[in-house]
Each structure stands twice: as C-alpha cells, then as structure tokens.
Amino acid sequence: MKHPVILITGASQGIGAAIAKVFAREVPGVRLALVARHAGHLAKVAAACAKLGAKTEPFRCDVSDEPSVAAMAAAVTQRFGTPDVLINNAGKFAPASFLTMSTADFDLMIAANLRSVFLVARAFAPAMAMRGRGDIFNMSSVAGQHAYPGGAGYCAAKFGVTGLSKVMRAELRDKGVRVCTVYPGATHSPAWAGSGVKPERMMPAEDVARMFLDVWRLSRRTVVEEIVLRPQLGDV
C-alpha cells in the first residue's frame, strides 16, 4: 500500500510516540495523524517523525470527549481521508482499591480507557467498512485479562476494551476491517515514572511499537485477533 494513513491516539509520549516513530522510519511515504491532548509534546513527536521522512500532522484532542473527537475526525478526514490504520493507544492509569475509589475517579478511568476507544473507533470505522478495508488496534492491557487488587477502575475499563474489541471483530470481519486487541504488560514509559520499577525489568516501548507494524504487514487473509506482550521475567 502506497502512502498509508496511520492514526495514533495518545501519540505524544510513551508507546504512542514509539509507534509513530517506527512507522515513520520503516514505511516509505507514510502519513501520520498524531492525536493527543498535550500540544507541546505532540509537536515534538510530529517533528521527529517528519525528520524520519513521514508526512505528519498533529491533532489536539481529548479522546474521551465526544465533540472533541468529532472535530478531530473531521479535521483528519479533510487532511488525509479515511485512515488505513487506527491505533487506539490513548489511556490513563491510576491505582485505586474498590473499597476506597470515588465515583469520579472510576468514571475518569472508564472515560480515558474505554469511552475513548468507543468514540474514536465509531468516528472512523463506518468509513473503513464502507471502503472495505482497514485495521483497528485497541489497546487493552494484561489488566484486561487478569484482575489485581488496587485496579478497580483500570481493570474494569480494560476488561471493557477487551469485550468491545470482540464485538467490533465480530461485526467488522466481513467488511474487510481487521480488529486486533493488544495486551501489553509493563512497558518502560512515563506511565511508570516514580513507580520504583527499574527500566530493565520492563519491555522497551520500541518492542511493543514494532508489533503493530509487523501485524499490519500481514496478508489481508490473516488477522491477529489478540496479542499479549510481557516482560521476559513476567508481570511486575
């Protein structure tokens, strides 16, 4: 495919920024729609990708807010057309126990990690289905497969992403749109800042990022429905 359009949410840092740079470096003529809330960080990632040869455009957006997503989708479509690949990477982690978590904090976790996936996917999937081709990657987590104490909101949201992705796969597979759910374990990124976990104990963000490129490059006759990535020594 010549000059594919790749849209990445949460592209201003961490895994999202790493994904953008991998596609920029390895896919000639790639066009990147980079989406995040922090305009300054997003501009730096966009500039780095442009130096690698990608045609890059930053789009500031709160992906948990419906009007913001609608405006972003209209701007992306006007600039690039319908994306070939949508990577729903944006998310937020905040530990909290079930017994003490406030309703507001729970709602924040659901909005940042689950509502965002629904809103952004609904903004682009219909056009992908109408075209008869596309790839959607939804970022869940190992926390979306196995619960743990202190993960009330985060686990609930990521389990929700797992379920939503399965529905999307069932509804879109006969329309030429592949849906892959990604379950990464501990990855060296700003989300782990201050955790006390050594970077060497976690996966490099670049390793996780490369997986998206490798899965996308498979024949259209094949879909990777789910992929789990963990540090070699296991979960942290």
C-alpha atoms as a PDB file:
ATOM      1  CA  MET A   1       0.000   0.000   0.000  1.00  0.00           C
ATOM      2  CA  LYS A   2       1.391   3.371  -1.021  1.00  0.00           C
ATOM      3  CA  HIS A   3       1.284   6.302   1.386  1.00  0.00           C
ATOM      4  CA  PRO A   4      -0.876   4.671   4.083  1.00  0.00           C
ATOM      5  CA  VAL A   5      -2.582   6.876   6.653  1.00  0.00           C
ATOM      6  CA  ILE A   6      -1.898   5.800  10.247  1.00  0.00           C
ATOM      7  CA  LEU A   7      -3.835   7.467  13.076  1.00  0.00           C
ATOM      8  CA  ILE A   8      -2.423   7.054  16.571  1.00  0.00           C
ATOM      9  CA  THR A   9      -4.084   8.337  19.733  1.00  0.00           C
ATOM     10  CA  GLY A  10      -2.002   9.074  22.800  1.00  0.00           C
ATOM     11  CA  ALA A  11       0.850   9.821  20.410  1.00  0.00           C
ATOM     12  CA  SER A  12       2.605  12.478  22.483  1.00  0.00           C
ATOM     13  CA  GLN A  13       4.695  10.105  24.616  1.00  0.00           C
ATOM     14  CA  GLY A  14       5.439   6.522  25.588  1.00  0.00           C
ATOM     15  CA  ILE A  15       4.148   3.689  23.423  1.00  0.00           C
ATOM     16  CA  GLY A  16       2.176   6.037  21.172  1.00  0.00           C
ATOM     17  CA  ALA A  17       5.241   8.096  20.301  1.00  0.00           C
ATOM     18  CA  ALA A  18       7.254   4.915  19.762  1.00  0.00           C
ATOM     19  CA  ILE A  19       4.616   3.552  17.360  1.00  0.00           C
ATOM     20  CA  ALA A  20       4.684   6.786  15.378  1.00  0.00           C
ATOM     21  CA  LYS A  21       8.462   6.680  15.038  1.00  0.00           C
ATOM     22  CA  VAL A  22       8.514   3.022  13.984  1.00  0.00           C
ATOM     23  CA  PHE A  23       6.019   3.655  11.173  1.00  0.00           C
ATOM     24  CA  ALA A  24       7.823   6.852  10.163  1.00  0.00           C
ATOM     25  CA  ARG A  25      11.159   5.068   9.995  1.00  0.00           C
ATOM     26  CA  GLU A  26      10.065   1.889   8.225  1.00  0.00           C
ATOM     27  CA  VAL A  27       7.122   2.722   5.933  1.00  0.00           C
ATOM     28  CA  PRO A  28       8.132   4.922   2.986  1.00  0.00           C
ATOM     29  CA  GLY A  29       5.609   7.638   2.236  1.00  0.00           C
ATOM     30  CA  VAL A  30       3.603   7.034   5.411  1.00  0.00           C
ATOM     31  CA  ARG A  31       1.208   9.745   6.520  1.00  0.00           C
ATOM     32  CA  LEU A  32       0.761  10.067  10.270  1.00  0.00           C
ATOM     33  CA  ALA A  33      -2.210  11.621  12.050  1.00  0.00           C
ATOM     34  CA  LEU A  34      -0.953  12.041  15.606  1.00  0.00           C
ATOM     35  CA  VAL A  35      -3.592  12.650  18.262  1.00  0.00           C
ATOM     36  CA  ALA A  36      -3.151  13.696  21.899  1.00  0.00           C
ATOM     37  CA  ARG A  37      -4.165  16.353  24.425  1.00  0.00           C
ATOM     38  CA  HIS A  38      -0.705  17.843  25.077  1.00  0.00           C
ATOM     39  CA  ALA A  39       0.045  20.051  22.083  1.00  0.00           C
ATOM     40  CA  GLY A  40       3.677  20.732  23.030  1.00  0.00           C
ATOM     41  CA  HIS A  41       4.711  17.113  23.398  1.00  0.00           C
ATOM     42  CA  LEU A  42       2.702  16.178  20.311  1.00  0.00           C
ATOM     43  CA  ALA A  43       4.512  18.783  18.217  1.00  0.00           C
ATOM     44  CA  LYS A  44       7.891  17.346  19.254  1.00  0.00           C
ATOM     45  CA  VAL A  45       6.873  13.811  18.234  1.00  0.00           C
ATOM     46  CA  ALA A  46       5.478  15.117  14.944  1.00  0.00           C
ATOM     47  CA  ALA A  47       8.740  16.944  14.219  1.00  0.00           C
ATOM     48  CA  ALA A  48      10.790  13.813  14.998  1.00  0.00           C
ATOM     49  CA  CYS A  49       8.624  11.733  12.663  1.00  0.00           C
ATOM     50  CA  ALA A  50       8.890  14.335   9.916  1.00  0.00           C
ATOM     51  CA  LYS A  51      12.692  14.142  10.156  1.00  0.00           C
ATOM     52  CA  LEU A  52      12.367  10.395   9.590  1.00  0.00           C
ATOM     53  CA  GLY A  53      10.524  11.051   6.334  1.00  0.00           C
ATOM     54  CA  ALA A  54       6.864  10.839   7.311  1.00  0.00           C
ATOM     55  CA  LYS A  55       4.203  13.319   6.272  1.00  0.00           C
ATOM     56  CA  THR A  56       2.959  14.210   9.729  1.00  0.00           C
ATOM     57  CA  GLU A  57       0.136  16.261  11.189  1.00  0.00           C
ATOM     58  CA  PRO A  58      -0.666  16.720  14.903  1.00  0.00           C
ATOM     59  CA  PHE A  59      -4.291  16.903  16.035  1.00  0.00           C
ATOM     60  CA  ARG A  60      -5.001  18.079  19.563  1.00  0.00           C
ATOM     61  CA  CYS A  61      -7.964  16.197  21.007  1.00  0.00           C
ATOM     62  CA  ASP A  62      -9.479  14.889  24.232  1.00  0.00           C
ATOM     63  CA  VAL A  63     -10.443  11.421  23.028  1.00  0.00           C
ATOM     64  CA  SER A  64     -12.864  10.916  25.933  1.00  0.00           C
ATOM     65  CA  ASP A  65     -14.934  13.931  24.825  1.00  0.00           C
ATOM     66  CA  GLU A  66     -17.445  13.354  22.008  1.00  0.00           C
ATOM     67  CA  PRO A  67     -17.411  16.869  20.468  1.00  0.00           C
ATOM     68  CA  SER A  68     -13.613  16.931  20.581  1.00  0.00           C
ATOM     69  CA  VAL A  69     -13.435  13.564  18.818  1.00  0.00           C
ATOM     70  CA  ALA A  70     -15.945  14.668  16.185  1.00  0.00           C
ATOM     71  CA  ALA A  71     -13.915  17.779  15.433  1.00  0.00           C
ATOM     72  CA  MET A  72     -10.690  15.771  15.272  1.00  0.00           C
ATOM     73  CA  ALA A  73     -12.238  13.170  12.955  1.00  0.00           C
ATOM     74  CA  ALA A  74     -13.480  15.886  10.593  1.00  0.00           C
ATOM     75  CA  ALA A  75     -10.037  17.515  10.525  1.00  0.00           C
ATOM     76  CA  VAL A  76      -8.218  14.208   9.929  1.00  0.00           C
ATOM     77  CA  THR A  77     -10.607  13.222   7.142  1.00  0.00           C
ATOM     78  CA  GLN A  78     -10.238  16.594   5.453  1.00  0.00           C
ATOM     79  CA  ARG A  79      -6.437  16.418   5.661  1.00  0.00           C
ATOM     80  CA  PHE A  80      -5.791  12.743   4.897  1.00  0.00           C
ATOM     81  CA  GLY A  81      -9.065  10.993   4.103  1.00  0.00           C
ATOM     82  CA  THR A  82     -10.104   7.817   5.934  1.00  0.00           C
ATOM     83  CA  PRO A  83      -7.210   6.268   7.915  1.00  0.00           C
ATOM     84  CA  ASP A  84      -5.919   2.890   6.804  1.00  0.00           C
ATOM     85  CA  VAL A  85      -4.863   2.072  10.353  1.00  0.00           C
ATOM     86  CA  LEU A  86      -6.393   3.304  13.599  1.00  0.00           C
ATOM     87  CA  ILE A  87      -4.389   2.674  16.764  1.00  0.00           C
ATOM     88  CA  ASN A  88      -6.450   3.379  19.881  1.00  0.00           C
ATOM     89  CA  ASN A  89      -3.499   3.767  22.209  1.00  0.00           C
ATOM     90  CA  ALA A  90      -4.594   6.637  24.484  1.00  0.00           C
ATOM     91  CA  GLY A  91      -5.254   5.740  28.096  1.00  0.00           C
ATOM     92  CA  LYS A  92      -4.608   6.592  31.709  1.00  0.00           C
ATOM     93  CA  PHE A  93      -3.558   4.566  34.746  1.00  0.00           C
ATOM     94  CA  ALA A  94      -4.379   5.455  38.335  1.00  0.00           C
ATOM     95  CA  PRO A  95      -4.377   2.755  41.031  1.00  0.00           C
ATOM     96  CA  ALA A  96      -7.288   2.641  43.463  1.00  0.00           C
ATOM     97  CA  SER A  97      -8.979  -0.025  45.526  1.00  0.00           C
ATOM     98  CA  PHE A  98     -12.635  -0.917  45.101  1.00  0.00           C
ATOM     99  CA  LEU A  99     -13.428  -0.053  48.723  1.00  0.00           C
ATOM    100  CA  THR A 100     -11.999   3.461  48.586  1.00  0.00           C
ATOM    101  CA  MET A 101     -12.307   4.572  44.951  1.00  0.00           C
ATOM    102  CA  SER A 102     -14.579   7.553  44.354  1.00  0.00           C
ATOM    103  CA  THR A 103     -17.228   7.552  41.663  1.00  0.00           C
ATOM    104  CA  ALA A 104     -15.481  10.463  39.963  1.00  0.00           C
ATOM    105  CA  ASP A 105     -12.175   8.591  39.771  1.00  0.00           C
ATOM    106  CA  PHE A 106     -13.930   5.466  38.488  1.00  0.00           C
ATOM    107  CA  ASP A 107     -15.682   7.487  35.785  1.00  0.00           C
ATOM    108  CA  LEU A 108     -12.335   9.034  34.809  1.00  0.00           C
ATOM    109  CA  MET A 109     -10.780   5.603  34.281  1.00  0.00           C
ATOM    110  CA  ILE A 110     -13.726   4.446  32.177  1.00  0.00           C
ATOM    111  CA  ALA A 111     -13.678   7.628  30.093  1.00  0.00           C
ATOM    112  CA  ALA A 112      -9.919   7.656  29.473  1.00  0.00           C
ATOM    113  CA  ASN A 113      -9.532   3.966  28.696  1.00  0.00           C
ATOM    114  CA  LEU A 114     -12.868   2.670  27.357  1.00  0.00           C
ATOM    115  CA  ARG A 115     -15.131   5.518  26.269  1.00  0.00           C
ATOM    116  CA  SER A 116     -12.212   6.905  24.253  1.00  0.00           C
ATOM    117  CA  VAL A 117     -11.852   3.666  22.289  1.00  0.00           C
ATOM    118  CA  PHE A 118     -15.572   3.619  21.512  1.00  0.00           C
ATOM    119  CA  LEU A 119     -15.684   7.264  20.418  1.00  0.00           C
ATOM    120  CA  VAL A 120     -12.626   7.190  18.172  1.00  0.00           C
ATOM    121  CA  ALA A 121     -13.455   3.823  16.621  1.00  0.00           C
ATOM    122  CA  ARG A 122     -17.039   4.914  15.904  1.00  0.00           C
ATOM    123  CA  ALA A 123     -15.692   8.057  14.257  1.00  0.00           C
ATOM    124  CA  PHE A 124     -13.677   6.117  11.656  1.00  0.00           C
ATOM    125  CA  ALA A 125     -14.890   2.508  11.448  1.00  0.00           C
ATOM    126  CA  PRO A 126     -18.009   3.234   9.331  1.00  0.00           C
ATOM    127  CA  ALA A 127     -15.902   4.748   6.536  1.00  0.00           C
ATOM    128  CA  MET A 128     -13.420   1.873   6.764  1.00  0.00           C
ATOM    129  CA  ALA A 129     -16.283  -0.614   6.455  1.00  0.00           C
ATOM    130  CA  MET A 130     -17.778   1.251   3.516  1.00  0.00           C
ATOM    131  CA  ARG A 131     -14.384   1.243   1.783  1.00  0.00           C
ATOM    132  CA  GLY A 132     -13.970  -2.461   2.570  1.00  0.00           C
ATOM    133  CA  ARG A 133     -10.513  -2.216   4.168  1.00  0.00           C
ATOM    134  CA  GLY A 134      -8.890  -1.089   7.372  1.00  0.00           C
ATOM    135  CA  ASP A 135      -7.088  -2.063  10.556  1.00  0.00           C
ATOM    136  CA  ILE A 136      -8.072  -1.144  14.099  1.00  0.00           C
ATOM    137  CA  PHE A 137      -5.825  -1.831  17.084  1.00  0.00           C
ATOM    138  CA  ASN A 138      -7.381  -1.387  20.520  1.00  0.00           C
ATOM    139  CA  MET A 139      -5.015  -1.100  23.453  1.00  0.00           C
ATOM    140  CA  SER A 140      -6.176  -3.189  26.366  1.00  0.00           C
ATOM    141  CA  SER A 141      -3.673  -4.474  28.932  1.00  0.00           C
ATOM    142  CA  VAL A 142      -2.790  -7.626  30.814  1.00  0.00           C
ATOM    143  CA  ALA A 143      -5.064  -5.896  33.349  1.00  0.00           C
ATOM    144  CA  GLY A 144      -7.849  -6.527  30.837  1.00  0.00           C
ATOM    145  CA  GLN A 145      -7.312 -10.277  31.218  1.00  0.00           C
ATOM    146  CA  HIS A 146      -6.398 -10.740  34.876  1.00  0.00           C
ATOM    147  CA  ALA A 147      -7.589  -8.510  37.718  1.00  0.00           C
ATOM    148  CA  TYR A 148      -5.457  -7.468  40.660  1.00  0.00           C
ATOM    149  CA  PRO A 149      -6.005  -5.615  43.954  1.00  0.00           C
ATOM    150  CA  GLY A 150      -5.923  -1.853  43.553  1.00  0.00           C
ATOM    151  CA  GLY A 151      -7.051  -1.915  39.941  1.00  0.00           C
ATOM    152  CA  ALA A 152     -10.772  -1.269  40.355  1.00  0.00           C
ATOM    153  CA  GLY A 153     -11.229   1.385  37.679  1.00  0.00           C
ATOM    154  CA  TYR A 154      -8.346   0.446  35.407  1.00  0.00           C
ATOM    155  CA  CYS A 155      -9.145  -3.269  35.266  1.00  0.00           C
ATOM    156  CA  ALA A 156     -12.843  -2.569  34.734  1.00  0.00           C
ATOM    157  CA  ALA A 157     -12.015  -0.257  31.822  1.00  0.00           C
ATOM    158  CA  LYS A 158      -9.518  -2.586  30.213  1.00  0.00           C
ATOM    159  CA  PHE A 159     -11.825  -5.595  30.556  1.00  0.00           C
ATOM    160  CA  GLY A 160     -14.361  -3.360  28.805  1.00  0.00           C
ATOM    161  CA  VAL A 161     -11.917  -2.730  25.961  1.00  0.00           C
ATOM    162  CA  THR A 162     -11.481  -6.490  25.643  1.00  0.00           C
ATOM    163  CA  GLY A 163     -15.239  -7.018  25.301  1.00  0.00           C
ATOM    164  CA  LEU A 164     -15.771  -4.080  22.958  1.00  0.00           C
ATOM    165  CA  SER A 165     -12.958  -5.287  20.709  1.00  0.00           C
ATOM    166  CA  LYS A 166     -14.521  -8.735  20.441  1.00  0.00           C
ATOM    167  CA  VAL A 167     -17.810  -7.180  19.343  1.00  0.00           C
ATOM    168  CA  MET A 168     -16.014  -4.989  16.796  1.00  0.00           C
ATOM    169  CA  ARG A 169     -14.176  -8.005  15.410  1.00  0.00           C
ATOM    170  CA  ALA A 170     -17.439  -9.955  15.049  1.00  0.00           C
ATOM    171  CA  GLU A 171     -19.223  -7.085  13.296  1.00  0.00           C
ATOM    172  CA  LEU A 172     -16.406  -5.858  11.035  1.00  0.00           C
ATOM    173  CA  ARG A 173     -14.645  -9.025   9.871  1.00  0.00           C
ATOM    174  CA  ASP A 174     -16.898  -9.471   6.820  1.00  0.00           C
ATOM    175  CA  LYS A 175     -16.380  -5.824   5.887  1.00  0.00           C
ATOM    176  CA  GLY A 176     -12.628  -6.075   5.357  1.00  0.00           C
ATOM    177  CA  VAL A 177     -11.720  -4.399   8.645  1.00  0.00           C
ATOM    178  CA  ARG A 178      -9.322  -6.274  10.913  1.00  0.00           C
ATOM    179  CA  VAL A 179      -9.542  -5.705  14.668  1.00  0.00           C
ATOM    180  CA  CYS A 180      -6.677  -6.603  16.987  1.00  0.00           C
ATOM    181  CA  THR A 181      -6.726  -6.307  20.782  1.00  0.00           C
ATOM    182  CA  VAL A 182      -3.316  -5.661  22.320  1.00  0.00           C
ATOM    183  CA  TYR A 183      -2.491  -6.714  25.883  1.00  0.00           C
ATOM    184  CA  PRO A 184       0.870  -5.255  26.926  1.00  0.00           C
ATOM    185  CA  GLY A 185       2.430  -5.831  30.305  1.00  0.00           C
ATOM    186  CA  ALA A 186       4.816  -3.425  31.998  1.00  0.00           C
ATOM    187  CA  THR A 187       6.407  -1.170  29.380  1.00  0.00           C
ATOM    188  CA  HIS A 188       9.057   1.458  30.066  1.00  0.00           C
ATOM    189  CA  SER A 189       7.144   4.704  29.582  1.00  0.00           C
ATOM    190  CA  PRO A 190       6.154   7.867  31.507  1.00  0.00           C
ATOM    191  CA  ALA A 191       3.196   5.964  32.990  1.00  0.00           C
ATOM    192  CA  TRP A 192       5.694   4.103  35.193  1.00  0.00           C
ATOM    193  CA  ALA A 193       7.552   7.208  36.365  1.00  0.00           C
ATOM    194  CA  GLY A 194       8.013   7.148  40.122  1.00  0.00           C
ATOM    195  CA  SER A 195       6.981   3.506  40.411  1.00  0.00           C
ATOM    196  CA  GLY A 196      10.407   2.355  41.550  1.00  0.00           C
ATOM    197  CA  VAL A 197      10.451  -0.374  38.906  1.00  0.00           C
ATOM    198  CA  LYS A 198      13.767  -0.439  37.025  1.00  0.00           C
ATOM    199  CA  PRO A 199      13.553   0.119  33.250  1.00  0.00           C
ATOM    200  CA  GLU A 200      15.481  -3.121  32.655  1.00  0.00           C
ATOM    201  CA  ARG A 201      12.618  -5.042  34.302  1.00  0.00           C
ATOM    202  CA  MET A 202      10.123  -3.730  31.750  1.00  0.00           C
ATOM    203  CA  MET A 203       9.675  -4.054  27.996  1.00  0.00           C
ATOM    204  CA  PRO A 204      11.098  -1.290  25.803  1.00  0.00           C
ATOM    205  CA  ALA A 205       8.340   0.813  24.228  1.00  0.00           C
ATOM    206  CA  GLU A 206      10.034   0.267  20.868  1.00  0.00           C
ATOM    207  CA  ASP A 207       9.471  -3.507  21.105  1.00  0.00           C
ATOM    208  CA  VAL A 208       5.761  -3.037  21.723  1.00  0.00           C
ATOM    209  CA  ALA A 209       5.576  -0.476  18.923  1.00  0.00           C
ATOM    210  CA  ARG A 210       7.188  -2.792  16.375  1.00  0.00           C
ATOM    211  CA  MET A 211       4.460  -5.368  16.973  1.00  0.00           C
ATOM    212  CA  PHE A 212       1.840  -3.026  15.470  1.00  0.00           C
ATOM    213  CA  LEU A 213       3.871  -2.665  12.289  1.00  0.00           C
ATOM    214  CA  ASP A 214       4.536  -6.399  11.980  1.00  0.00           C
ATOM    215  CA  VAL A 215       0.877  -7.335  12.492  1.00  0.00           C
ATOM    216  CA  TRP A 216      -0.293  -4.720   9.993  1.00  0.00           C
ATOM    217  CA  ARG A 217       2.087  -6.047   7.348  1.00  0.00           C
ATOM    218  CA  LEU A 218       0.494  -9.500   7.318  1.00  0.00           C
ATOM    219  CA  SER A 219      -1.555 -10.626   4.321  1.00  0.00           C
ATOM    220  CA  ARG A 220      -5.154  -9.395   4.301  1.00  0.00           C
ATOM    221  CA  ARG A 221      -6.130 -13.061   4.521  1.00  0.00           C
ATOM    222  CA  THR A 222      -4.823 -13.157   8.093  1.00  0.00           C
ATOM    223  CA  VAL A 223      -5.817 -11.343  11.269  1.00  0.00           C
ATOM    224  CA  VAL A 224      -4.122 -11.356  14.655  1.00  0.00           C
ATOM    225  CA  GLU A 225      -7.172 -11.083  16.904  1.00  0.00           C
ATOM    226  CA  GLU A 226      -5.270 -10.762  20.165  1.00  0.00           C
ATOM    227  CA  ILE A 227      -1.660 -10.390  21.154  1.00  0.00           C
ATOM    228  CA  VAL A 228      -0.129 -10.489  24.643  1.00  0.00           C
ATOM    229  CA  LEU A 229       3.272  -8.974  25.394  1.00  0.00           C
ATOM    230  CA  ARG A 230       5.030  -9.363  28.735  1.00  0.00           C
ATOM    231  CA  PRO A 231       8.479  -8.712  30.152  1.00  0.00           C
ATOM    232  CA  GLN A 232      10.623 -11.822  29.873  1.00  0.00           C
ATOM    233  CA  LEU A 233      10.610 -12.222  33.683  1.00  0.00           C
ATOM    234  CA  GLY A 234       6.808 -11.928  33.862  1.00  0.00           C
ATOM    235  CA  ASP A 235       4.415  -9.319  35.162  1.00  0.00           C
ATOM    236  CA  VAL A 236       5.663  -6.679  37.542  1.00  0.00           C
END
